[in-house]
Amino acid sequence: KCGEPRMYRRHLALGEVPCTACRAANAAADRRYRLTGSRT
């Protein structure tokens, strides 16, 4: 669903521009991965 990192990747795979909620969720997951080493 929109607002999840998975949907950000789905937007990109479909050639769409990711929505704001998906970009924010992906950025948060990326930040969490850099800090903790975990994507969840």
Full PDB file with SEQRES, HELIX, SHEET, SSBOND, CRYST1, ORIGX, SCALE, CONECT and MASTER records, all heavy atoms in Angstrom:
SEQRES   1 A   40  LYS CYS GLY GLU PRO ARG MET TYR ARG ARG HIS LEU ALA          
SEQRES   2 A   40  LEU GLY GLU VAL PRO CYS THR ALA CYS ARG ALA ALA ASN          
SEQRES   3 A   40  ALA ALA ALA ASP ARG ARG TYR ARG LEU THR GLY SER ARG          
SEQRES   4 A   40  THR                                                          
HELIX    1 AA1 PRO A    5  ALA A   13  1                                   9    
HELIX    2 AA2 THR A   20  THR A   36  1                                  17    
CRYST1    1.000    1.000    1.000  90.00  90.00  90.00 P 1           1          
ORIGX1      1.000000  0.000000  0.000000        0.00000                         
ORIGX2      0.000000  1.000000  0.000000        0.00000                         
ORIGX3      0.000000  0.000000  1.000000        0.00000                         
SCALE1      1.000000  0.000000  0.000000        0.00000                         
SCALE2      0.000000  1.000000  0.000000        0.00000                         
SCALE3      0.000000  0.000000  1.000000        0.00000                         
ATOM      1  N   LYS A   1       0.870  -1.188   0.000  1.00  0.00           N  
ATOM      2  CA  LYS A   1       0.000   0.000   0.000  1.00  0.00           C  
ATOM      3  C   LYS A   1       0.897   1.226   0.000  1.00  0.00           C  
ATOM      4  O   LYS A   1       2.049   1.171   0.432  1.00  0.00           O  
ATOM      5  CB  LYS A   1      -0.878   0.014   1.241  1.00  0.00           C  
ATOM      6  CG  LYS A   1      -1.811  -1.158   1.366  1.00  0.00           C  
ATOM      7  CD  LYS A   1      -2.626  -1.042   2.619  1.00  0.00           C  
ATOM      8  CE  LYS A   1      -2.639  -2.224   3.454  1.00  0.00           C  
ATOM      9  NZ  LYS A   1      -1.780  -2.940   4.104  1.00  0.00           N  
ATOM     10  N   CYS A   2       0.372   2.326  -0.459  1.00  0.00           N  
ATOM     11  CA  CYS A   2       1.147   3.565  -0.444  1.00  0.00           C  
ATOM     12  C   CYS A   2       1.530   3.889   0.992  1.00  0.00           C  
ATOM     13  O   CYS A   2       0.744   3.715   1.921  1.00  0.00           O  
ATOM     14  CB  CYS A   2       0.353   4.719  -1.051  1.00  0.00           C  
ATOM     15  SG  CYS A   2       0.441   4.719  -2.844  1.00  0.00           S  
ATOM     16  N   GLY A   3       2.774   4.325   1.174  1.00  0.00           N  
ATOM     17  CA  GLY A   3       3.292   4.611   2.496  1.00  0.00           C  
ATOM     18  C   GLY A   3       4.221   3.506   2.987  1.00  0.00           C  
ATOM     19  O   GLY A   3       4.699   3.553   4.108  1.00  0.00           O  
ATOM     20  N   GLU A   4       4.479   2.486   2.147  1.00  0.00           N  
ATOM     21  CA  GLU A   4       5.399   1.402   2.489  1.00  0.00           C  
ATOM     22  C   GLU A   4       6.570   1.421   1.515  1.00  0.00           C  
ATOM     23  O   GLU A   4       6.409   1.776   0.347  1.00  0.00           O  
ATOM     24  CB  GLU A   4       4.705   0.033   2.366  1.00  0.00           C  
ATOM     25  CG  GLU A   4       3.566  -0.183   3.328  1.00  0.00           C  
ATOM     26  CD  GLU A   4       2.917  -1.551   3.124  1.00  0.00           C  
ATOM     27  OE1 GLU A   4       3.357  -2.305   2.223  1.00  0.00           O  
ATOM     28  OE2 GLU A   4       1.983  -1.863   3.864  1.00  0.00           O  
ATOM     29  N   PRO A   5       7.766   1.019   1.986  1.00  0.00           N  
ATOM     30  CA  PRO A   5       8.909   0.976   1.067  1.00  0.00           C  
ATOM     31  C   PRO A   5       8.681   0.039  -0.123  1.00  0.00           C  
ATOM     32  O   PRO A   5       9.159   0.289  -1.226  1.00  0.00           O  
ATOM     33  CB  PRO A   5      10.055   0.465   1.938  1.00  0.00           C  
ATOM     34  CG  PRO A   5       9.657   0.753   3.330  1.00  0.00           C  
ATOM     35  CD  PRO A   5       8.160   0.716   3.358  1.00  0.00           C  
ATOM     36  N   ARG A   6       7.905  -1.039   0.088  1.00  0.00           N  
ATOM     37  CA  ARG A   6       7.623  -1.954  -1.029  1.00  0.00           C  
ATOM     38  C   ARG A   6       6.877  -1.240  -2.144  1.00  0.00           C  
ATOM     39  O   ARG A   6       7.103  -1.491  -3.323  1.00  0.00           O  
ATOM     40  CB  ARG A   6       6.778  -3.145  -0.553  1.00  0.00           C  
ATOM     41  CG  ARG A   6       7.495  -4.066   0.385  1.00  0.00           C  
ATOM     42  CD  ARG A   6       6.678  -5.298   0.715  1.00  0.00           C  
ATOM     43  NE  ARG A   6       5.348  -4.988   1.193  1.00  0.00           N  
ATOM     44  CZ  ARG A   6       4.290  -5.777   1.024  1.00  0.00           C  
ATOM     45  NH1 ARG A   6       4.410  -6.912   0.394  1.00  0.00           N  
ATOM     46  NH2 ARG A   6       3.113  -5.429   1.495  1.00  0.00           N  
ATOM     47  N   MET A   7       5.963  -0.346  -1.763  1.00  0.00           N  
ATOM     48  CA  MET A   7       5.189   0.355  -2.778  1.00  0.00           C  
ATOM     49  C   MET A   7       6.056   1.369  -3.510  1.00  0.00           C  
ATOM     50  O   MET A   7       5.849   1.621  -4.700  1.00  0.00           O  
ATOM     51  CB  MET A   7       3.972   1.040  -2.149  1.00  0.00           C  
ATOM     52  CG  MET A   7       2.979   1.551  -3.162  1.00  0.00           C  
ATOM     53  SD  MET A   7       2.356   0.186  -4.167  1.00  0.00           S  
ATOM     54  CE  MET A   7       1.619   1.085  -5.506  1.00  0.00           C  
ATOM     55  N   TYR A   8       7.056   1.923  -2.839  1.00  0.00           N  
ATOM     56  CA  TYR A   8       7.993   2.820  -3.511  1.00  0.00           C  
ATOM     57  C   TYR A   8       8.679   2.063  -4.655  1.00  0.00           C  
ATOM     58  O   TYR A   8       8.767   2.554  -5.777  1.00  0.00           O  
ATOM     59  CB  TYR A   8       9.030   3.336  -2.501  1.00  0.00           C  
ATOM     60  CG  TYR A   8      10.113   4.192  -3.123  1.00  0.00           C  
ATOM     61  CD1 TYR A   8       9.899   5.546  -3.349  1.00  0.00           C  
ATOM     62  CD2 TYR A   8      11.336   3.648  -3.476  1.00  0.00           C  
ATOM     63  CE1 TYR A   8      10.877   6.339  -3.922  1.00  0.00           C  
ATOM     64  CE2 TYR A   8      12.329   4.421  -4.044  1.00  0.00           C  
ATOM     65  CZ  TYR A   8      12.099   5.770  -4.269  1.00  0.00           C  
ATOM     66  OH  TYR A   8      13.075   6.549  -4.834  1.00  0.00           O  
ATOM     67  N   ARG A   9       9.129   0.861  -4.359  1.00  0.00           N  
ATOM     68  CA  ARG A   9       9.781   0.054  -5.397  1.00  0.00           C  
ATOM     69  C   ARG A   9       8.801  -0.348  -6.491  1.00  0.00           C  
ATOM     70  O   ARG A   9       9.153  -0.440  -7.662  1.00  0.00           O  
ATOM     71  CB  ARG A   9      10.446  -1.159  -4.759  1.00  0.00           C  
ATOM     72  CG  ARG A   9      11.625  -0.780  -3.867  1.00  0.00           C  
ATOM     73  CD  ARG A   9      12.406  -1.984  -3.388  1.00  0.00           C  
ATOM     74  NE  ARG A   9      11.651  -2.877  -2.529  1.00  0.00           N  
ATOM     75  CZ  ARG A   9      11.550  -2.731  -1.209  1.00  0.00           C  
ATOM     76  NH1 ARG A   9      12.140  -1.726  -0.596  1.00  0.00           N  
ATOM     77  NH2 ARG A   9      10.859  -3.607  -0.498  1.00  0.00           N  
ATOM     78  N   ARG A  10       7.560  -0.584  -6.122  1.00  0.00           N  
ATOM     79  CA  ARG A  10       6.538  -0.931  -7.110  1.00  0.00           C  
ATOM     80  C   ARG A  10       6.288   0.248  -8.044  1.00  0.00           C  
ATOM     81  O   ARG A  10       6.155   0.086  -9.251  1.00  0.00           O  
ATOM     82  CB  ARG A  10       5.251  -1.343  -6.394  1.00  0.00           C  
ATOM     83  CG  ARG A  10       4.018  -1.544  -7.254  1.00  0.00           C  
ATOM     84  CD  ARG A  10       3.987  -2.848  -8.037  1.00  0.00           C  
ATOM     85  NE  ARG A  10       4.045  -4.030  -7.239  1.00  0.00           N  
ATOM     86  CZ  ARG A  10       2.994  -4.671  -6.733  1.00  0.00           C  
ATOM     87  NH1 ARG A  10       1.784  -4.214  -6.918  1.00  0.00           N  
ATOM     88  NH2 ARG A  10       3.165  -5.771  -6.044  1.00  0.00           N  
ATOM     89  N   HIS A  11       6.205   1.464  -7.470  1.00  0.00           N  
ATOM     90  CA  HIS A  11       6.041   2.664  -8.303  1.00  0.00           C  
ATOM     91  C   HIS A  11       7.169   2.736  -9.333  1.00  0.00           C  
ATOM     92  O   HIS A  11       6.918   2.963 -10.517  1.00  0.00           O  
ATOM     93  CB  HIS A  11       6.089   3.947  -7.449  1.00  0.00           C  
ATOM     94  CG  HIS A  11       4.836   4.239  -6.685  1.00  0.00           C  
ATOM     95  ND1 HIS A  11       3.589   4.309  -7.259  1.00  0.00           N  
ATOM     96  CD2 HIS A  11       4.656   4.523  -5.362  1.00  0.00           C  
ATOM     97  CE1 HIS A  11       2.688   4.608  -6.340  1.00  0.00           C  
ATOM     98  NE2 HIS A  11       3.317   4.748  -5.159  1.00  0.00           N  
ATOM     99  N   LEU A  12       8.407   2.521  -8.884  1.00  0.00           N  
ATOM    100  CA  LEU A  12       9.542   2.606  -9.793  1.00  0.00           C  
ATOM    101  C   LEU A  12       9.490   1.511 -10.855  1.00  0.00           C  
ATOM    102  O   LEU A  12       9.788   1.751 -12.027  1.00  0.00           O  
ATOM    103  CB  LEU A  12      10.859   2.512  -9.014  1.00  0.00           C  
ATOM    104  CG  LEU A  12      11.175   3.683  -8.082  1.00  0.00           C  
ATOM    105  CD1 LEU A  12      12.478   3.412  -7.338  1.00  0.00           C  
ATOM    106  CD2 LEU A  12      11.261   4.985  -8.849  1.00  0.00           C  
ATOM    107  N   ALA A  13       9.111   0.303 -10.465  1.00  0.00           N  
ATOM    108  CA  ALA A  13       9.039  -0.805 -11.416  1.00  0.00           C  
ATOM    109  C   ALA A  13       7.982  -0.558 -12.486  1.00  0.00           C  
ATOM    110  O   ALA A  13       8.149  -0.969 -13.640  1.00  0.00           O  
ATOM    111  CB  ALA A  13       8.736  -2.107 -10.686  1.00  0.00           C  
ATOM    112  N   LEU A  14       6.906   0.121 -12.108  1.00  0.00           N  
ATOM    113  CA  LEU A  14       5.834   0.408 -13.068  1.00  0.00           C  
ATOM    114  C   LEU A  14       6.113   1.672 -13.874  1.00  0.00           C  
ATOM    115  O   LEU A  14       5.301   2.062 -14.711  1.00  0.00           O  
ATOM    116  CB  LEU A  14       4.494   0.538 -12.336  1.00  0.00           C  
ATOM    117  CG  LEU A  14       3.990  -0.726 -11.652  1.00  0.00           C  
ATOM    118  CD1 LEU A  14       2.728  -0.448 -10.847  1.00  0.00           C  
ATOM    119  CD2 LEU A  14       3.726  -1.816 -12.682  1.00  0.00           C  
ATOM    120  N   GLY A  15       7.234   2.328 -13.587  1.00  0.00           N  
ATOM    121  CA  GLY A  15       7.583   3.540 -14.326  1.00  0.00           C  
ATOM    122  C   GLY A  15       6.827   4.759 -13.851  1.00  0.00           C  
ATOM    123  O   GLY A  15       6.737   5.754 -14.576  1.00  0.00           O  
ATOM    124  N   GLU A  16       6.285   4.709 -12.649  1.00  0.00           N  
ATOM    125  CA  GLU A  16       5.520   5.834 -12.100  1.00  0.00           C  
ATOM    126  C   GLU A  16       6.438   6.700 -11.241  1.00  0.00           C  
ATOM    127  O   GLU A  16       7.497   6.261 -10.791  1.00  0.00           O  
ATOM    128  CB  GLU A  16       4.370   5.320 -11.229  1.00  0.00           C  
ATOM    129  CG  GLU A  16       3.421   4.384 -11.944  1.00  0.00           C  
ATOM    130  CD  GLU A  16       2.438   3.715 -10.996  1.00  0.00           C  
ATOM    131  OE1 GLU A  16       2.601   3.834  -9.767  1.00  0.00           O  
ATOM    132  OE2 GLU A  16       1.531   3.065 -11.512  1.00  0.00           O  
ATOM    133  N   VAL A  17       5.988   7.890 -10.986  1.00  0.00           N  
ATOM    134  CA  VAL A  17       6.686   8.764 -10.045  1.00  0.00           C  
ATOM    135  C   VAL A  17       6.158   8.401  -8.658  1.00  0.00           C  
ATOM    136  O   VAL A  17       4.945   8.435  -8.431  1.00  0.00           O  
ATOM    137  CB  VAL A  17       6.404  10.251 -10.358  1.00  0.00           C  
ATOM    138  CG1 VAL A  17       7.039  11.148  -9.306  1.00  0.00           C  
ATOM    139  CG2 VAL A  17       6.903  10.591 -11.750  1.00  0.00           C  
ATOM    140  N   PRO A  18       7.041   8.027  -7.716  1.00  0.00           N  
ATOM    141  CA  PRO A  18       6.566   7.640  -6.388  1.00  0.00           C  
ATOM    142  C   PRO A  18       5.855   8.790  -5.683  1.00  0.00           C  
ATOM    143  O   PRO A  18       6.265   9.949  -5.780  1.00  0.00           O  
ATOM    144  CB  PRO A  18       7.849   7.258  -5.643  1.00  0.00           C  
ATOM    145  CG  PRO A  18       8.840   6.956  -6.714  1.00  0.00           C  
ATOM    146  CD  PRO A  18       8.480   7.838  -7.862  1.00  0.00           C  
ATOM    147  N   CYS A  19       4.796   8.435  -4.969  1.00  0.00           N  
ATOM    148  CA  CYS A  19       4.052   9.452  -4.223  1.00  0.00           C  
ATOM    149  C   CYS A  19       4.859   9.901  -3.001  1.00  0.00           C  
ATOM    150  O   CYS A  19       5.853   9.263  -2.627  1.00  0.00           O  
ATOM    151  CB  CYS A  19       2.682   8.913  -3.811  1.00  0.00           C  
ATOM    152  SG  CYS A  19       2.767   7.529  -2.665  1.00  0.00           S  
ATOM    153  N   THR A  20       4.440  10.978  -2.390  1.00  0.00           N  
ATOM    154  CA  THR A  20       5.159  11.547  -1.254  1.00  0.00           C  
ATOM    155  C   THR A  20       5.229  10.569  -0.085  1.00  0.00           C  
ATOM    156  O   THR A  20       6.282  10.438   0.562  1.00  0.00           O  
ATOM    157  CB  THR A  20       4.468  12.855  -0.805  1.00  0.00           C  
ATOM    158  OG1 THR A  20       4.340  13.711  -1.942  1.00  0.00           O  
ATOM    159  CG2 THR A  20       5.269  13.559   0.262  1.00  0.00           C  
ATOM    160  N   ALA A  21       4.153   9.853   0.192  1.00  0.00           N  
ATOM    161  CA  ALA A  21       4.120   8.918   1.319  1.00  0.00           C  
ATOM    162  C   ALA A  21       5.100   7.762   1.099  1.00  0.00           C  
ATOM    163  O   ALA A  21       5.816   7.342   2.016  1.00  0.00           O  
ATOM    164  CB  ALA A  21       2.706   8.380   1.520  1.00  0.00           C  
ATOM    165  N   CYS A  22       5.179   7.288  -0.136  1.00  0.00           N  
ATOM    166  CA  CYS A  22       6.086   6.175  -0.440  1.00  0.00           C  
ATOM    167  C   CYS A  22       7.540   6.634  -0.396  1.00  0.00           C  
ATOM    168  O   CYS A  22       8.408   5.901   0.078  1.00  0.00           O  
ATOM    169  CB  CYS A  22       5.755   5.585  -1.802  1.00  0.00           C  
ATOM    170  SG  CYS A  22       4.164   4.728  -1.840  1.00  0.00           S  
ATOM    171  N   ARG A  23       7.822   7.855  -0.879  1.00  0.00           N  
ATOM    172  CA  ARG A  23       9.185   8.377  -0.812  1.00  0.00           C  
ATOM    173  C   ARG A  23       9.632   8.535   0.636  1.00  0.00           C  
ATOM    174  O   ARG A  23      10.758   8.200   0.991  1.00  0.00           O  
ATOM    175  CB  ARG A  23       9.283   9.712  -1.538  1.00  0.00           C  
ATOM    176  CG  ARG A  23       9.401   9.531  -3.034  1.00  0.00           C  
ATOM    177  CD  ARG A  23       9.755  10.805  -3.684  1.00  0.00           C  
ATOM    178  NE  ARG A  23       8.745  11.797  -3.294  1.00  0.00           N  
ATOM    179  CZ  ARG A  23       8.467  12.901  -3.940  1.00  0.00           C  
ATOM    180  NH1 ARG A  23       9.151  13.209  -5.007  1.00  0.00           N  
ATOM    181  NH2 ARG A  23       7.530  13.719  -3.539  1.00  0.00           N  
ATOM    182  N   ALA A  24       8.732   9.021   1.491  1.00  0.00           N  
ATOM    183  CA  ALA A  24       9.060   9.201   2.912  1.00  0.00           C  
ATOM    184  C   ALA A  24       9.312   7.851   3.582  1.00  0.00           C  
ATOM    185  O   ALA A  24      10.244   7.700   4.375  1.00  0.00           O  
ATOM    186  CB  ALA A  24       7.944   9.957   3.622  1.00  0.00           C  
ATOM    187  N   ALA A  25       8.469   6.845   3.259  1.00  0.00           N  
ATOM    188  CA  ALA A  25       8.634   5.510   3.851  1.00  0.00           C  
ATOM    189  C   ALA A  25       9.947   4.881   3.398  1.00  0.00           C  
ATOM    190  O   ALA A  25      10.659   4.258   4.189  1.00  0.00           O  
ATOM    191  CB  ALA A  25       7.455   4.624   3.464  1.00  0.00           C  
ATOM    192  N   ASN A  26      10.300   5.058   2.128  1.00  0.00           N  
ATOM    193  CA  ASN A  26      11.549   4.510   1.620  1.00  0.00           C  
ATOM    194  C   ASN A  26      12.748   5.208   2.257  1.00  0.00           C  
ATOM    195  O   ASN A  26      13.728   4.557   2.615  1.00  0.00           O  
ATOM    196  CB  ASN A  26      11.604   4.633   0.097  1.00  0.00           C  
ATOM    197  CG  ASN A  26      12.796   3.925  -0.474  1.00  0.00           C  
ATOM    198  OD1 ASN A  26      12.925   2.715  -0.326  1.00  0.00           O  
ATOM    199  ND2 ASN A  26      13.689   4.677  -1.106  1.00  0.00           N  
ATOM    200  N   ALA A  27      12.660   6.520   2.430  1.00  0.00           N  
ATOM    201  CA  ALA A  27      13.752   7.263   3.054  1.00  0.00           C  
ATOM    202  C   ALA A  27      13.936   6.822   4.509  1.00  0.00           C  
ATOM    203  O   ALA A  27      15.061   6.670   4.988  1.00  0.00           O  
ATOM    204  CB  ALA A  27      13.487   8.760   2.972  1.00  0.00           C  
ATOM    205  N   ALA A  28      12.824   6.595   5.216  1.00  0.00           N  
ATOM    206  CA  ALA A  28      12.905   6.149   6.610  1.00  0.00           C  
ATOM    207  C   ALA A  28      13.529   4.750   6.687  1.00  0.00           C  
ATOM    208  O   ALA A  28      14.360   4.484   7.563  1.00  0.00           O  
ATOM    209  CB  ALA A  28      11.521   6.153   7.245  1.00  0.00           C  
ATOM    210  N   ALA A  29      13.150   3.865   5.780  1.00  0.00           N  
ATOM    211  CA  ALA A  29      13.708   2.512   5.774  1.00  0.00           C  
ATOM    212  C   ALA A  29      15.198   2.560   5.435  1.00  0.00           C  
ATOM    213  O   ALA A  29      15.999   1.828   6.027  1.00  0.00           O  
ATOM    214  CB  ALA A  29      12.968   1.641   4.765  1.00  0.00           C  
ATOM    215  N   ASP A  30      15.581   3.425   4.515  1.00  0.00           N  
ATOM    216  CA  ASP A  30      16.988   3.563   4.149  1.00  0.00           C  
ATOM    217  C   ASP A  30      17.800   4.105   5.325  1.00  0.00           C  
ATOM    218  O   ASP A  30      18.894   3.626   5.616  1.00  0.00           O  
ATOM    219  CB  ASP A  30      17.105   4.489   2.942  1.00  0.00           C  
ATOM    220  CG  ASP A  30      18.497   4.506   2.350  1.00  0.00           C  
ATOM    221  OD1 ASP A  30      19.110   3.422   2.298  1.00  0.00           O  
ATOM    222  OD2 ASP A  30      18.963   5.590   1.948  1.00  0.00           O  
ATOM    223  N   ARG A  31      17.248   5.084   6.014  1.00  0.00           N  
ATOM    224  CA  ARG A  31      17.914   5.646   7.189  1.00  0.00           C  
ATOM    225  C   ARG A  31      18.079   4.582   8.270  1.00  0.00           C  
ATOM    226  O   ARG A  31      19.142   4.425   8.870  1.00  0.00           O  
ATOM    227  CB  ARG A  31      17.071   6.819   7.713  1.00  0.00           C  
ATOM    228  CG  ARG A  31      17.809   7.902   8.373  1.00  0.00           C  
ATOM    229  CD  ARG A  31      16.971   9.136   8.692  1.00  0.00           C  
ATOM    230  NE  ARG A  31      15.541   9.011   8.766  1.00  0.00           N  
ATOM    231  CZ  ARG A  31      14.684   9.392   7.787  1.00  0.00           C  
ATOM    232  NH1 ARG A  31      15.136   9.930   6.671  1.00  0.00           N  
ATOM    233  NH2 ARG A  31      13.396   9.244   7.942  1.00  0.00           N  
ATOM    234  N   ARG A  32      17.012   3.813   8.499  1.00  0.00           N  
ATOM    235  CA  ARG A  32      17.050   2.746   9.503  1.00  0.00           C  
ATOM    236  C   ARG A  32      18.103   1.699   9.143  1.00  0.00           C  
ATOM    237  O   ARG A  32      18.840   1.219   9.991  1.00  0.00           O  
ATOM    238  CB  ARG A  32      15.660   2.105   9.617  1.00  0.00           C  
ATOM    239  CG  ARG A  32      15.501   1.090  10.697  1.00  0.00           C  
ATOM    240  CD  ARG A  32      14.063   0.621  10.901  1.00  0.00           C  
ATOM    241  NE  ARG A  32      13.249   0.530   9.707  1.00  0.00           N  
ATOM    242  CZ  ARG A  32      12.304   1.419   9.348  1.00  0.00           C  
ATOM    243  NH1 ARG A  32      12.062   2.474  10.097  1.00  0.00           N  
ATOM    244  NH2 ARG A  32      11.606   1.261   8.245  1.00  0.00           N  
ATOM    245  N   TYR A  33      18.223   1.390   7.844  1.00  0.00           N  
ATOM    246  CA  TYR A  33      19.209   0.402   7.405  1.00  0.00           C  
ATOM    247  C   TYR A  33      20.635   0.902   7.647  1.00  0.00           C  
ATOM    248  O   TYR A  33      21.497   0.154   8.086  1.00  0.00           O  
ATOM    249  CB  TYR A  33      19.010   0.073   5.917  1.00  0.00           C  
ATOM    250  CG  TYR A  33      19.987  -0.938   5.400  1.00  0.00           C  
ATOM    251  CD1 TYR A  33      19.916  -2.265   5.788  1.00  0.00           C  
ATOM    252  CD2 TYR A  33      21.002  -0.558   4.536  1.00  0.00           C  
ATOM    253  CE1 TYR A  33      20.816  -3.193   5.327  1.00  0.00           C  
ATOM    254  CE2 TYR A  33      21.917  -1.483   4.068  1.00  0.00           C  
ATOM    255  CZ  TYR A  33      21.817  -2.801   4.468  1.00  0.00           C  
ATOM    256  OH  TYR A  33      22.720  -3.726   4.014  1.00  0.00           O  
ATOM    257  N   ARG A  34      20.870   2.155   7.345  1.00  0.00           N  
ATOM    258  CA  ARG A  34      22.215   2.705   7.566  1.00  0.00           C  
ATOM    259  C   ARG A  34      22.577   2.737   9.042  1.00  0.00           C  
ATOM    260  O   ARG A  34      23.730   2.538   9.411  1.00  0.00           O  
ATOM    261  CB  ARG A  34      22.304   4.109   6.974  1.00  0.00           C  
ATOM    262  CG  ARG A  34      22.450   4.105   5.467  1.00  0.00           C  
ATOM    263  CD  ARG A  34      22.837   5.472   4.954  1.00  0.00           C  
ATOM    264  NE  ARG A  34      21.962   6.509   5.461  1.00  0.00           N  
ATOM    265  CZ  ARG A  34      20.991   7.096   4.788  1.00  0.00           C  
ATOM    266  NH1 ARG A  34      20.786   6.755   3.542  1.00  0.00           N  
ATOM    267  NH2 ARG A  34      20.243   8.026   5.325  1.00  0.00           N  
ATOM    268  N   LEU A  35      21.597   2.982   9.911  1.00  0.00           N  
ATOM    269  CA  LEU A  35      21.870   3.071  11.347  1.00  0.00           C  
ATOM    270  C   LEU A  35      21.948   1.709  12.030  1.00  0.00           C  
ATOM    271  O   LEU A  35      22.787   1.486  12.905  1.00  0.00           O  
ATOM    272  CB  LEU A  35      20.794   3.916  12.041  1.00  0.00           C  
ATOM    273  CG  LEU A  35      20.804   5.406  11.695  1.00  0.00           C  
ATOM    274  CD1 LEU A  35      19.563   6.087  12.302  1.00  0.00           C  
ATOM    275  CD2 LEU A  35      22.066   6.056  12.197  1.00  0.00           C  
ATOM    276  N   THR A  36      21.057   0.780  11.663  1.00  0.00           N  
ATOM    277  CA  THR A  36      20.941  -0.491  12.396  1.00  0.00           C  
ATOM    278  C   THR A  36      21.332  -1.712  11.582  1.00  0.00           C  
ATOM    279  O   THR A  36      21.544  -2.776  12.166  1.00  0.00           O  
ATOM    280  CB  THR A  36      19.489  -0.700  12.876  1.00  0.00           C  
ATOM    281  OG1 THR A  36      18.638  -0.863  11.724  1.00  0.00           O  
ATOM    282  CG2 THR A  36      19.017   0.469  13.727  1.00  0.00           C  
ATOM    283  N   GLY A  37      21.377  -1.595  10.264  1.00  0.00           N  
ATOM    284  CA  GLY A  37      21.670  -2.765   9.432  1.00  0.00           C  
ATOM    285  C   GLY A  37      20.444  -3.589   9.147  1.00  0.00           C  
ATOM    286  O   GLY A  37      20.540  -4.671   8.579  1.00  0.00           O  
ATOM    287  N   SER A  38      19.264  -3.114   9.520  1.00  0.00           N  
ATOM    288  CA  SER A  38      18.030  -3.847   9.287  1.00  0.00           C  
ATOM    289  C   SER A  38      17.066  -2.970   8.507  1.00  0.00           C  
ATOM    290  O   SER A  38      16.939  -1.777   8.745  1.00  0.00           O  
ATOM    291  CB  SER A  38      17.394  -4.247  10.617  1.00  0.00           C  
ATOM    292  OG  SER A  38      16.139  -4.824  10.389  1.00  0.00           O  
ATOM    293  N   ARG A  39      16.362  -3.550   7.566  1.00  0.00           N  
ATOM    294  CA  ARG A  39      15.383  -2.796   6.786  1.00  0.00           C  
ATOM    295  C   ARG A  39      14.004  -2.783   7.434  1.00  0.00           C  
ATOM    296  O   ARG A  39      13.152  -2.008   7.064  1.00  0.00           O  
ATOM    297  CB  ARG A  39      15.264  -3.383   5.389  1.00  0.00           C  
ATOM    298  CG  ARG A  39      16.503  -3.204   4.562  1.00  0.00           C  
ATOM    299  CD  ARG A  39      16.235  -3.500   3.100  1.00  0.00           C  
ATOM    300  NE  ARG A  39      17.463  -3.477   2.321  1.00  0.00           N  
ATOM    301  CZ  ARG A  39      18.049  -2.385   1.860  1.00  0.00           C  
ATOM    302  NH1 ARG A  39      17.523  -1.220   2.111  1.00  0.00           N  
ATOM    303  NH2 ARG A  39      19.151  -2.466   1.167  1.00  0.00           N  
ATOM    304  N   THR A  40      13.771  -3.692   8.380  1.00  0.00           N  
ATOM    305  CA  THR A  40      12.445  -3.766   8.991  1.00  0.00           C  
ATOM    306  C   THR A  40      12.349  -2.860  10.206  1.00  0.00           C  
ATOM    307  O   THR A  40      13.307  -2.677  10.946  1.00  0.00           O  
ATOM    308  CB  THR A  40      12.124  -5.206   9.427  1.00  0.00           C  
ATOM    309  OG1 THR A  40      13.120  -5.646  10.333  1.00  0.00           O  
ATOM    310  CG2 THR A  40      12.081  -6.140   8.226  1.00  0.00           C  
TER     311      THR A  40                                                      
MASTER        0    0    0    2    0    0    0    6  310    1    0    4          
END                                                                             
